[in-house]
Amino acid sequence: QPGGSLILSCVTSETALIKNFMAWYRQAPGKEREYVASISTIG
């Protein structure tokens, strides 16, 4: 519901990959994929 919360997870098959620069994107119906957030190698 609006105002609620969720936690998304992304698991890698190679654990070390997560320590790279990583990002979340999203795509709504009929729209282009857009940037949401990112985290660098140093956090």
PDB file of all heavy atoms in Angstrom:
ATOM      1  N   GLN A   1       0.826  -1.201   0.000  1.00  0.00           N
ATOM      2  CA  GLN A   1       0.000   0.000   0.000  1.00  0.00           C
ATOM      3  C   GLN A   1       0.860   1.250   0.000  1.00  0.00           C
ATOM      4  O   GLN A   1       2.013   1.213   0.459  1.00  0.00           O
ATOM      5  CB  GLN A   1      -0.917   0.004   1.229  1.00  0.00           C
ATOM      6  CG  GLN A   1      -1.978  -1.073   1.210  1.00  0.00           C
ATOM      7  CD  GLN A   1      -2.949  -0.938   2.368  1.00  0.00           C
ATOM      8  OE1 GLN A   1      -2.679  -0.271   3.350  1.00  0.00           O
ATOM      9  NE2 GLN A   1      -4.095  -1.579   2.234  1.00  0.00           N
ATOM     10  N   PRO A   2       0.339   2.340  -0.493  1.00  0.00           N
ATOM     11  CA  PRO A   2       1.082   3.608  -0.417  1.00  0.00           C
ATOM     12  C   PRO A   2       1.509   3.906   1.005  1.00  0.00           C
ATOM     13  O   PRO A   2       0.736   3.714   1.948  1.00  0.00           O
ATOM     14  CB  PRO A   2       0.059   4.634  -0.925  1.00  0.00           C
ATOM     15  CG  PRO A   2      -0.831   3.854  -1.827  1.00  0.00           C
ATOM     16  CD  PRO A   2      -0.940   2.495  -1.200  1.00  0.00           C
ATOM     17  N   GLY A   3       2.741   4.344   1.142  1.00  0.00           N
ATOM     18  CA  GLY A   3       3.297   4.600   2.463  1.00  0.00           C
ATOM     19  C   GLY A   3       4.006   3.410   3.074  1.00  0.00           C
ATOM     20  O   GLY A   3       4.683   3.547   4.102  1.00  0.00           O
ATOM     21  N   GLY A   4       3.882   2.272   2.436  1.00  0.00           N
ATOM     22  CA  GLY A   4       4.510   1.066   2.954  1.00  0.00           C
ATOM     23  C   GLY A   4       5.974   0.935   2.588  1.00  0.00           C
ATOM     24  O   GLY A   4       6.560   1.840   1.982  1.00  0.00           O
ATOM     25  N   SER A   5       6.541  -0.206   2.970  1.00  0.00           N
ATOM     26  CA  SER A   5       7.972  -0.451   2.747  1.00  0.00           C
ATOM     27  C   SER A   5       8.204  -1.831   2.146  1.00  0.00           C
ATOM     28  O   SER A   5       7.408  -2.755   2.350  1.00  0.00           O
ATOM     29  CB  SER A   5       8.735  -0.363   4.075  1.00  0.00           C
ATOM     30  OG  SER A   5       8.631   0.914   4.654  1.00  0.00           O
ATOM     31  N   LEU A   6       9.300  -1.945   1.427  1.00  0.00           N
ATOM     32  CA  LEU A   6       9.768  -3.222   0.896  1.00  0.00           C
ATOM     33  C   LEU A   6      11.287  -3.210   0.896  1.00  0.00           C
ATOM     34  O   LEU A   6      11.901  -2.136   0.809  1.00  0.00           O
ATOM     35  CB  LEU A   6       9.280  -3.445  -0.540  1.00  0.00           C
ATOM     36  CG  LEU A   6       7.855  -3.935  -0.782  1.00  0.00           C
ATOM     37  CD1 LEU A   6       7.569  -3.970  -2.283  1.00  0.00           C
ATOM     38  CD2 LEU A   6       7.616  -5.288  -0.151  1.00  0.00           C
ATOM     39  N   ILE A   7      11.878  -4.403   0.980  1.00  0.00           N
ATOM     40  CA  ILE A   7      13.323  -4.548   0.822  1.00  0.00           C
ATOM     41  C   ILE A   7      13.577  -5.481  -0.349  1.00  0.00           C
ATOM     42  O   ILE A   7      13.134  -6.631  -0.343  1.00  0.00           O
ATOM     43  CB  ILE A   7      13.983  -5.120   2.080  1.00  0.00           C
ATOM     44  CG1 ILE A   7      13.727  -4.235   3.283  1.00  0.00           C
ATOM     45  CG2 ILE A   7      15.493  -5.255   1.857  1.00  0.00           C
ATOM     46  CD1 ILE A   7      14.281  -4.810   4.579  1.00  0.00           C
ATOM     47  N   LEU A   8      14.262  -4.980  -1.347  1.00  0.00           N
ATOM     48  CA  LEU A   8      14.654  -5.791  -2.485  1.00  0.00           C
ATOM     49  C   LEU A   8      16.062  -6.325  -2.269  1.00  0.00           C
ATOM     50  O   LEU A   8      16.908  -5.651  -1.670  1.00  0.00           O
ATOM     51  CB  LEU A   8      14.620  -4.976  -3.771  1.00  0.00           C
ATOM     52  CG  LEU A   8      13.301  -4.293  -4.113  1.00  0.00           C
ATOM     53  CD1 LEU A   8      13.419  -3.605  -5.474  1.00  0.00           C
ATOM     54  CD2 LEU A   8      12.149  -5.246  -4.084  1.00  0.00           C
ATOM     55  N   SER A   9      16.301  -7.516  -2.774  1.00  0.00           N
ATOM     56  CA  SER A   9      17.625  -8.122  -2.692  1.00  0.00           C
ATOM     57  C   SER A   9      18.087  -8.526  -4.089  1.00  0.00           C
ATOM     58  O   SER A   9      17.276  -8.868  -4.948  1.00  0.00           O
ATOM     59  CB  SER A   9      17.599  -9.365  -1.806  1.00  0.00           C
ATOM     60  OG  SER A   9      17.201  -9.057  -0.490  1.00  0.00           O
ATOM     61  N   CYS A  10      19.378  -8.488  -4.279  1.00  0.00           N
ATOM     62  CA  CYS A  10      19.994  -8.926  -5.532  1.00  0.00           C
ATOM     63  C   CYS A  10      21.172  -9.808  -5.165  1.00  0.00           C
ATOM     64  O   CYS A  10      22.129  -9.344  -4.531  1.00  0.00           O
ATOM     65  CB  CYS A  10      20.441  -7.729  -6.350  1.00  0.00           C
ATOM     66  SG  CYS A  10      21.415  -8.141  -7.827  1.00  0.00           S
ATOM     67  N   VAL A  11      21.093 -11.062  -5.555  1.00  0.00           N
ATOM     68  CA  VAL A  11      22.132 -12.025  -5.220  1.00  0.00           C
ATOM     69  C   VAL A  11      22.960 -12.322  -6.468  1.00  0.00           C
ATOM     70  O   VAL A  11      22.421 -12.457  -7.564  1.00  0.00           O
ATOM     71  CB  VAL A  11      21.508 -13.333  -4.689  1.00  0.00           C
ATOM     72  CG1 VAL A  11      22.585 -14.348  -4.378  1.00  0.00           C
ATOM     73  CG2 VAL A  11      20.667 -13.054  -3.461  1.00  0.00           C
ATOM     74  N   THR A  12      24.257 -12.400  -6.281  1.00  0.00           N
ATOM     75  CA  THR A  12      25.147 -12.725  -7.395  1.00  0.00           C
ATOM     76  C   THR A  12      25.633 -14.161  -7.289  1.00  0.00           C
ATOM     77  O   THR A  12      25.764 -14.701  -6.188  1.00  0.00           O
ATOM     78  CB  THR A  12      26.368 -11.798  -7.429  1.00  0.00           C
ATOM     79  OG1 THR A  12      27.184 -12.084  -6.281  1.00  0.00           O
ATOM     80  CG2 THR A  12      25.964 -10.355  -7.394  1.00  0.00           C
ATOM     81  N   SER A  13      25.908 -14.736  -8.436  1.00  0.00           N
ATOM     82  CA  SER A  13      26.462 -16.088  -8.450  1.00  0.00           C
ATOM     83  C   SER A  13      27.948 -16.071  -8.106  1.00  0.00           C
ATOM     84  O   SER A  13      28.521 -17.100  -7.759  1.00  0.00           O
ATOM     85  CB  SER A  13      26.238 -16.727  -9.827  1.00  0.00           C
ATOM     86  OG  SER A  13      26.817 -15.929 -10.844  1.00  0.00           O
ATOM     87  N   GLU A  14      28.561 -14.903  -8.228  1.00  0.00           N
ATOM     88  CA  GLU A  14      29.964 -14.715  -7.843  1.00  0.00           C
ATOM     89  C   GLU A  14      30.004 -13.618  -6.780  1.00  0.00           C
ATOM     90  O   GLU A  14      29.860 -12.441  -7.098  1.00  0.00           O
ATOM     91  CB  GLU A  14      30.807 -14.340  -9.059  1.00  0.00           C
ATOM     92  CG  GLU A  14      30.852 -15.422 -10.123  1.00  0.00           C
ATOM     93  CD  GLU A  14      31.698 -15.026 -11.321  1.00  0.00           C
ATOM     94  OE1 GLU A  14      32.470 -14.064 -11.213  1.00  0.00           O
ATOM     95  OE2 GLU A  14      31.573 -15.680 -12.370  1.00  0.00           O
ATOM     96  N   THR A  15      30.191 -14.001  -5.547  1.00  0.00           N
ATOM     97  CA  THR A  15      30.050 -13.103  -4.394  1.00  0.00           C
ATOM     98  C   THR A  15      30.840 -11.803  -4.544  1.00  0.00           C
ATOM     99  O   THR A  15      30.340 -10.725  -4.227  1.00  0.00           O
ATOM    100  CB  THR A  15      30.501 -13.821  -3.121  1.00  0.00           C
ATOM    101  OG1 THR A  15      29.763 -15.032  -2.975  1.00  0.00           O
ATOM    102  CG2 THR A  15      30.296 -12.941  -1.915  1.00  0.00           C
ATOM    103  N   ALA A  16      32.041 -11.880  -5.050  1.00  0.00           N
ATOM    104  CA  ALA A  16      32.911 -10.712  -5.110  1.00  0.00           C
ATOM    105  C   ALA A  16      32.366  -9.615  -6.023  1.00  0.00           C
ATOM    106  O   ALA A  16      32.720  -8.445  -5.882  1.00  0.00           O
ATOM    107  CB  ALA A  16      34.296 -11.124  -5.581  1.00  0.00           C
ATOM    108  N   LEU A  17      31.490  -9.975  -6.940  1.00  0.00           N
ATOM    109  CA  LEU A  17      30.964  -8.974  -7.871  1.00  0.00           C
ATOM    110  C   LEU A  17      30.231  -7.862  -7.146  1.00  0.00           C
ATOM    111  O   LEU A  17      30.222  -6.713  -7.596  1.00  0.00           O
ATOM    112  CB  LEU A  17      30.034  -9.635  -8.883  1.00  0.00           C
ATOM    113  CG  LEU A  17      30.682 -10.525  -9.947  1.00  0.00           C
ATOM    114  CD1 LEU A  17      29.612 -11.130 -10.826  1.00  0.00           C
ATOM    115  CD2 LEU A  17      31.688  -9.744 -10.759  1.00  0.00           C
ATOM    116  N   ILE A  18      29.603  -8.205  -6.026  1.00  0.00           N
ATOM    117  CA  ILE A  18      28.806  -7.208  -5.311  1.00  0.00           C
ATOM    118  C   ILE A  18      29.668  -6.056  -4.810  1.00  0.00           C
ATOM    119  O   ILE A  18      29.178  -4.968  -4.576  1.00  0.00           O
ATOM    120  CB  ILE A  18      28.051  -7.887  -4.152  1.00  0.00           C
ATOM    121  CG1 ILE A  18      26.858  -8.672  -4.703  1.00  0.00           C
ATOM    122  CG2 ILE A  18      27.602  -6.897  -3.113  1.00  0.00           C
ATOM    123  CD1 ILE A  18      25.787  -7.814  -5.305  1.00  0.00           C
ATOM    124  N   LYS A  19      30.965  -6.282  -4.655  1.00  0.00           N
ATOM    125  CA  LYS A  19      31.848  -5.248  -4.127  1.00  0.00           C
ATOM    126  C   LYS A  19      32.218  -4.216  -5.196  1.00  0.00           C
ATOM    127  O   LYS A  19      32.870  -3.215  -4.891  1.00  0.00           O
ATOM    128  CB  LYS A  19      33.110  -5.894  -3.558  1.00  0.00           C
ATOM    129  CG  LYS A  19      32.816  -6.822  -2.383  1.00  0.00           C
ATOM    130  CD  LYS A  19      34.077  -7.480  -1.847  1.00  0.00           C
ATOM    131  CE  LYS A  19      33.740  -8.431  -0.707  1.00  0.00           C
ATOM    132  NZ  LYS A  19      34.936  -9.119  -0.167  1.00  0.00           N
ATOM    133  N   ASN A  20      31.798  -4.448  -6.428  1.00  0.00           N
ATOM    134  CA  ASN A  20      31.997  -3.472  -7.492  1.00  0.00           C
ATOM    135  C   ASN A  20      30.953  -2.365  -7.399  1.00  0.00           C
ATOM    136  O   ASN A  20      30.056  -2.409  -6.566  1.00  0.00           O
ATOM    137  CB  ASN A  20      31.885  -4.161  -8.855  1.00  0.00           C
ATOM    138  CG  ASN A  20      33.065  -5.047  -9.154  1.00  0.00           C
ATOM    139  OD1 ASN A  20      34.179  -4.576  -9.359  1.00  0.00           O
ATOM    140  ND2 ASN A  20      32.836  -6.349  -9.163  1.00  0.00           N
ATOM    141  N   PHE A  21      31.062  -1.379  -8.268  1.00  0.00           N
ATOM    142  CA  PHE A  21      30.024  -0.377  -8.411  1.00  0.00           C
ATOM    143  C   PHE A  21      28.768  -1.099  -8.880  1.00  0.00           C
ATOM    144  O   PHE A  21      28.776  -1.792  -9.883  1.00  0.00           O
ATOM    145  CB  PHE A  21      30.450   0.668  -9.444  1.00  0.00           C
ATOM    146  CG  PHE A  21      29.443   1.751  -9.668  1.00  0.00           C
ATOM    147  CD1 PHE A  21      29.549   2.955  -8.999  1.00  0.00           C
ATOM    148  CD2 PHE A  21      28.375   1.572 -10.547  1.00  0.00           C
ATOM    149  CE1 PHE A  21      28.627   3.969  -9.200  1.00  0.00           C
ATOM    150  CE2 PHE A  21      27.442   2.574 -10.752  1.00  0.00           C
ATOM    151  CZ  PHE A  21      27.575   3.770 -10.078  1.00  0.00           C
ATOM    152  N   MET A  22      27.681  -0.939  -8.132  1.00  0.00           N
ATOM    153  CA  MET A  22      26.425  -1.600  -8.432  1.00  0.00           C
ATOM    154  C   MET A  22      25.301  -0.573  -8.437  1.00  0.00           C
ATOM    155  O   MET A  22      25.383   0.454  -7.756  1.00  0.00           O
ATOM    156  CB  MET A  22      26.113  -2.673  -7.388  1.00  0.00           C
ATOM    157  CG  MET A  22      27.102  -3.820  -7.321  1.00  0.00           C
ATOM    158  SD  MET A  22      27.009  -4.917  -8.751  1.00  0.00           S
ATOM    159  CE  MET A  22      25.323  -5.530  -8.642  1.00  0.00           C
ATOM    160  N   ALA A  23      24.237  -0.892  -9.164  1.00  0.00           N
ATOM    161  CA  ALA A  23      23.128   0.041  -9.253  1.00  0.00           C
ATOM    162  C   ALA A  23      21.793  -0.681  -9.307  1.00  0.00           C
ATOM    163  O   ALA A  23      21.721  -1.859  -9.650  1.00  0.00           O
ATOM    164  CB  ALA A  23      23.288   0.924 -10.488  1.00  0.00           C
ATOM    165  N   TRP A  24      20.754   0.056  -8.945  1.00  0.00           N
ATOM    166  CA  TRP A  24      19.371  -0.373  -9.130  1.00  0.00           C
ATOM    167  C   TRP A  24      18.734   0.530 -10.186  1.00  0.00           C
ATOM    168  O   TRP A  24      18.933   1.750 -10.170  1.00  0.00           O
ATOM    169  CB  TRP A  24      18.576  -0.263  -7.834  1.00  0.00           C
ATOM    170  CG  TRP A  24      18.869  -1.319  -6.826  1.00  0.00           C
ATOM    171  CD1 TRP A  24      19.716  -1.217  -5.754  1.00  0.00           C
ATOM    172  CD2 TRP A  24      18.297  -2.639  -6.765  1.00  0.00           C
ATOM    173  NE1 TRP A  24      19.719  -2.396  -5.047  1.00  0.00           N
ATOM    174  CE2 TRP A  24      18.849  -3.284  -5.637  1.00  0.00           C
ATOM    175  CE3 TRP A  24      17.376  -3.338  -7.545  1.00  0.00           C
ATOM    176  CZ2 TRP A  24      18.516  -4.591  -5.278  1.00  0.00           C
ATOM    177  CZ3 TRP A  24      17.047  -4.626  -7.197  1.00  0.00           C
ATOM    178  CH2 TRP A  24      17.614  -5.249  -6.072  1.00  0.00           C
ATOM    179  N   TYR A  25      17.955  -0.095 -11.053  1.00  0.00           N
ATOM    180  CA  TYR A  25      17.159   0.616 -12.041  1.00  0.00           C
ATOM    181  C   TYR A  25      15.725   0.125 -11.923  1.00  0.00           C
ATOM    182  O   TYR A  25      15.445  -0.905 -11.303  1.00  0.00           O
ATOM    183  CB  TYR A  25      17.677   0.335 -13.461  1.00  0.00           C
ATOM    184  CG  TYR A  25      18.911   1.104 -13.842  1.00  0.00           C
ATOM    185  CD1 TYR A  25      20.152   0.779 -13.301  1.00  0.00           C
ATOM    186  CD2 TYR A  25      18.845   2.165 -14.740  1.00  0.00           C
ATOM    187  CE1 TYR A  25      21.294   1.493 -13.649  1.00  0.00           C
ATOM    188  CE2 TYR A  25      19.973   2.879 -15.101  1.00  0.00           C
ATOM    189  CZ  TYR A  25      21.193   2.535 -14.558  1.00  0.00           C
ATOM    190  OH  TYR A  25      22.315   3.254 -14.910  1.00  0.00           O
ATOM    191  N   ARG A  26      14.811   0.848 -12.544  1.00  0.00           N
ATOM    192  CA  ARG A  26      13.424   0.405 -12.579  1.00  0.00           C
ATOM    193  C   ARG A  26      12.800   0.763 -13.917  1.00  0.00           C
ATOM    194  O   ARG A  26      13.262   1.695 -14.587  1.00  0.00           O
ATOM    195  CB  ARG A  26      12.618   0.998 -11.429  1.00  0.00           C
ATOM    196  CG  ARG A  26      12.423   2.499 -11.500  1.00  0.00           C
ATOM    197  CD  ARG A  26      11.741   2.989 -10.226  1.00  0.00           C
ATOM    198  NE  ARG A  26      11.511   4.433 -10.255  1.00  0.00           N
ATOM    199  CZ  ARG A  26      11.028   5.120  -9.225  1.00  0.00           C
ATOM    200  NH1 ARG A  26      10.732   4.489  -8.076  1.00  0.00           N
ATOM    201  NH2 ARG A  26      10.831   6.415  -9.326  1.00  0.00           N
ATOM    202  N   GLN A  27      11.772   0.024 -14.254  1.00  0.00           N
ATOM    203  CA  GLN A  27      11.067   0.278 -15.505  1.00  0.00           C
ATOM    204  C   GLN A  27       9.580   0.084 -15.294  1.00  0.00           C
ATOM    205  O   GLN A  27       9.133  -1.013 -14.951  1.00  0.00           O
ATOM    206  CB  GLN A  27      11.575  -0.643 -16.615  1.00  0.00           C
ATOM    207  CG  GLN A  27      11.012  -0.319 -17.982  1.00  0.00           C
ATOM    208  CD  GLN A  27      11.745  -1.045 -19.095  1.00  0.00           C
ATOM    209  OE1 GLN A  27      12.438  -2.034 -18.865  1.00  0.00           O
ATOM    210  NE2 GLN A  27      11.616  -0.548 -20.317  1.00  0.00           N
ATOM    211  N   ALA A  28       8.842   1.156 -15.482  1.00  0.00           N
ATOM    212  CA  ALA A  28       7.390   1.115 -15.382  1.00  0.00           C
ATOM    213  C   ALA A  28       6.815   0.773 -16.754  1.00  0.00           C
ATOM    214  O   ALA A  28       7.452   1.020 -17.783  1.00  0.00           O
ATOM    215  CB  ALA A  28       6.862   2.454 -14.899  1.00  0.00           C
ATOM    216  N   PRO A  29       5.610   0.228 -16.801  1.00  0.00           N
ATOM    217  CA  PRO A  29       4.996  -0.123 -18.076  1.00  0.00           C
ATOM    218  C   PRO A  29       4.931   1.074 -19.017  1.00  0.00           C
ATOM    219  O   PRO A  29       4.497   2.158 -18.629  1.00  0.00           O
ATOM    220  CB  PRO A  29       3.594  -0.578 -17.670  1.00  0.00           C
ATOM    221  CG  PRO A  29       3.746  -1.058 -16.279  1.00  0.00           C
ATOM    222  CD  PRO A  29       4.776  -0.156 -15.659  1.00  0.00           C
ATOM    223  N   GLY A  30       5.392   0.884 -20.234  1.00  0.00           N
ATOM    224  CA  GLY A  30       5.331   1.934 -21.227  1.00  0.00           C
ATOM    225  C   GLY A  30       6.379   3.015 -21.087  1.00  0.00           C
ATOM    226  O   GLY A  30       6.356   4.000 -21.837  1.00  0.00           O
ATOM    227  N   LYS A  31       7.291   2.839 -20.124  1.00  0.00           N
ATOM    228  CA  LYS A  31       8.329   3.851 -19.905  1.00  0.00           C
ATOM    229  C   LYS A  31       9.708   3.244 -20.064  1.00  0.00           C
ATOM    230  O   LYS A  31       9.876   2.029 -20.019  1.00  0.00           O
ATOM    231  CB  LYS A  31       8.180   4.475 -18.516  1.00  0.00           C
ATOM    232  CG  LYS A  31       6.896   5.252 -18.323  1.00  0.00           C
ATOM    233  CD  LYS A  31       6.900   5.965 -16.981  1.00  0.00           C
ATOM    234  CE  LYS A  31       5.643   6.807 -16.812  1.00  0.00           C
ATOM    235  NZ  LYS A  31       5.651   7.541 -15.505  1.00  0.00           N
ATOM    236  N   GLU A  32      10.696   4.115 -20.232  1.00  0.00           N
ATOM    237  CA  GLU A  32      12.062   3.640 -20.340  1.00  0.00           C
ATOM    238  C   GLU A  32      12.607   3.264 -18.965  1.00  0.00           C
ATOM    239  O   GLU A  32      12.142   3.763 -17.935  1.00  0.00           O
ATOM    240  CB  GLU A  32      12.932   4.739 -20.975  1.00  0.00           C
ATOM    241  CG  GLU A  32      12.596   5.028 -22.430  1.00  0.00           C
ATOM    242  CD  GLU A  32      13.598   5.969 -23.070  1.00  0.00           C
ATOM    243  OE1 GLU A  32      14.484   6.482 -22.358  1.00  0.00           O
ATOM    244  OE2 GLU A  32      13.485   6.183 -24.289  1.00  0.00           O
ATOM    245  N   ARG A  33      13.598   2.393 -18.989  1.00  0.00           N
ATOM    246  CA  ARG A  33      14.262   2.029 -17.744  1.00  0.00           C
ATOM    247  C   ARG A  33      14.976   3.259 -17.189  1.00  0.00           C
ATOM    248  O   ARG A  33      15.645   3.987 -17.928  1.00  0.00           O
ATOM    249  CB  ARG A  33      15.248   0.891 -18.000  1.00  0.00           C
ATOM    250  CG  ARG A  33      15.789   0.238 -16.764  1.00  0.00           C
ATOM    251  CD  ARG A  33      16.506  -1.058 -17.098  1.00  0.00           C
ATOM    252  NE  ARG A  33      15.593  -2.050 -17.655  1.00  0.00           N
ATOM    253  CZ  ARG A  33      15.943  -3.321 -17.902  1.00  0.00           C
ATOM    254  NH1 ARG A  33      17.174  -3.735 -17.623  1.00  0.00           N
ATOM    255  NH2 ARG A  33      15.072  -4.147 -18.428  1.00  0.00           N
ATOM    256  N   GLU A  34      14.870   3.476 -15.881  1.00  0.00           N
ATOM    257  CA  GLU A  34      15.481   4.649 -15.271  1.00  0.00           C
ATOM    258  C   GLU A  34      16.323   4.270 -14.063  1.00  0.00           C
ATOM    259  O   GLU A  34      16.053   3.295 -13.361  1.00  0.00           O
ATOM    260  CB  GLU A  34      14.400   5.664 -14.854  1.00  0.00           C
ATOM    261  CG  GLU A  34      13.479   5.193 -13.756  1.00  0.00           C
ATOM    262  CD  GLU A  34      12.508   6.284 -13.289  1.00  0.00           C
ATOM    263  OE1 GLU A  34      12.485   7.376 -13.877  1.00  0.00           O
ATOM    264  OE2 GLU A  34      11.773   6.031 -12.310  1.00  0.00           O
ATOM    265  N   TYR A  35      17.312   5.082 -13.837  1.00  0.00           N
ATOM    266  CA  TYR A  35      18.232   4.918 -12.720  1.00  0.00           C
ATOM    267  C   TYR A  35      17.515   5.190 -11.402  1.00  0.00           C
ATOM    268  O   TYR A  35      16.706   6.116 -11.295  1.00  0.00           O
ATOM    269  CB  TYR A  35      19.391   5.892 -12.902  1.00  0.00           C
ATOM    270  CG  TYR A  35      20.295   6.065 -11.719  1.00  0.00           C
ATOM    271  CD1 TYR A  35      21.345   5.205 -11.481  1.00  0.00           C
ATOM    272  CD2 TYR A  35      20.103   7.121 -10.832  1.00  0.00           C
ATOM    273  CE1 TYR A  35      22.188   5.369 -10.402  1.00  0.00           C
ATOM    274  CE2 TYR A  35      20.931   7.302  -9.755  1.00  0.00           C
ATOM    275  CZ  TYR A  35      21.981   6.425  -9.541  1.00  0.00           C
ATOM    276  OH  TYR A  35      22.804   6.601  -8.466  1.00  0.00           O
ATOM    277  N   VAL A  36      17.823   4.388 -10.392  1.00  0.00           N
ATOM    278  CA  VAL A  36      17.246   4.575  -9.064  1.00  0.00           C
ATOM    279  C   VAL A  36      18.322   4.943  -8.036  1.00  0.00           C
ATOM    280  O   VAL A  36      18.221   5.946  -7.347  1.00  0.00           O
ATOM    281  CB  VAL A  36      16.499   3.310  -8.602  1.00  0.00           C
ATOM    282  CG1 VAL A  36      16.017   3.464  -7.164  1.00  0.00           C
ATOM    283  CG2 VAL A  36      15.335   2.998  -9.533  1.00  0.00           C
ATOM    284  N   ALA A  37      19.349   4.096  -7.951  1.00  0.00           N
ATOM    285  CA  ALA A  37      20.370   4.308  -6.926  1.00  0.00           C
ATOM    286  C   ALA A  37      21.620   3.518  -7.291  1.00  0.00           C
ATOM    287  O   ALA A  37      21.554   2.560  -8.066  1.00  0.00           O
ATOM    288  CB  ALA A  37      19.865   3.877  -5.556  1.00  0.00           C
ATOM    289  N   SER A  38      22.741   3.914  -6.703  1.00  0.00           N
ATOM    290  CA  SER A  38      23.985   3.194  -6.936  1.00  0.00           C
ATOM    291  C   SER A  38      24.874   3.266  -5.707  1.00  0.00           C
ATOM    292  O   SER A  38      24.706   4.139  -4.836  1.00  0.00           O
ATOM    293  CB  SER A  38      24.723   3.758  -8.157  1.00  0.00           C
ATOM    294  OG  SER A  38      25.032   5.121  -7.967  1.00  0.00           O
ATOM    295  N   ILE A  39      25.816   2.335  -5.652  1.00  0.00           N
ATOM    296  CA  ILE A  39      26.789   2.297  -4.560  1.00  0.00           C
ATOM    297  C   ILE A  39      28.151   1.997  -5.166  1.00  0.00           C
ATOM    298  O   ILE A  39      28.296   1.088  -5.994  1.00  0.00           O
ATOM    299  CB  ILE A  39      26.382   1.252  -3.497  1.00  0.00           C
ATOM    300  CG1 ILE A  39      27.346   1.288  -2.309  1.00  0.00           C
ATOM    301  CG2 ILE A  39      26.259  -0.151  -4.083  1.00  0.00           C
ATOM    302  CD1 ILE A  39      26.820   0.509  -1.091  1.00  0.00           C
ATOM    303  N   SER A  40      29.143   2.782  -4.762  1.00  0.00           N
ATOM    304  CA  SER A  40      30.468   2.641  -5.347  1.00  0.00           C
ATOM    305  C   SER A  40      31.267   1.561  -4.621  1.00  0.00           C
ATOM    306  O   SER A  40      30.817   0.985  -3.622  1.00  0.00           O
ATOM    307  CB  SER A  40      31.217   3.974  -5.263  1.00  0.00           C
ATOM    308  OG  SER A  40      31.643   4.210  -3.931  1.00  0.00           O
ATOM    309  N   THR A  41      32.479   1.333  -5.097  1.00  0.00           N
ATOM    310  CA  THR A  41      33.343   0.317  -4.489  1.00  0.00           C
ATOM    311  C   THR A  41      33.715   0.681  -3.050  1.00  0.00           C
ATOM    312  O   THR A  41      33.988  -0.206  -2.239  1.00  0.00           O
ATOM    313  CB  THR A  41      34.619   0.135  -5.304  1.00  0.00           C
ATOM    314  OG1 THR A  41      35.272   1.409  -5.436  1.00  0.00           O
ATOM    315  CG2 THR A  41      34.314  -0.411  -6.700  1.00  0.00           C
ATOM    316  N   ILE A  42      33.690   1.977  -2.738  1.00  0.00           N
ATOM    317  CA  ILE A  42      34.033   2.386  -1.381  1.00  0.00           C
ATOM    318  C   ILE A  42      32.792   2.699  -0.551  1.00  0.00           C
ATOM    319  O   ILE A  42      32.892   3.224   0.547  1.00  0.00           O
ATOM    320  CB  ILE A  42      34.979   3.603  -1.378  1.00  0.00           C
ATOM    321  CG1 ILE A  42      34.331   4.797  -2.073  1.00  0.00           C
ATOM    322  CG2 ILE A  42      36.314   3.246  -2.021  1.00  0.00           C
ATOM    323  CD1 ILE A  42      35.123   6.089  -1.915  1.00  0.00           C
ATOM    324  N   GLY A  43      31.627   2.397  -1.104  1.00  0.00           N
ATOM    325  CA  GLY A  43      30.401   2.544  -0.334  1.00  0.00           C
ATOM    326  C   GLY A  43      29.688   3.875  -0.481  1.00  0.00           C
ATOM    327  O   GLY A  43      28.685   4.107   0.208  1.00  0.00           O
TER     328      GLY A  43
END
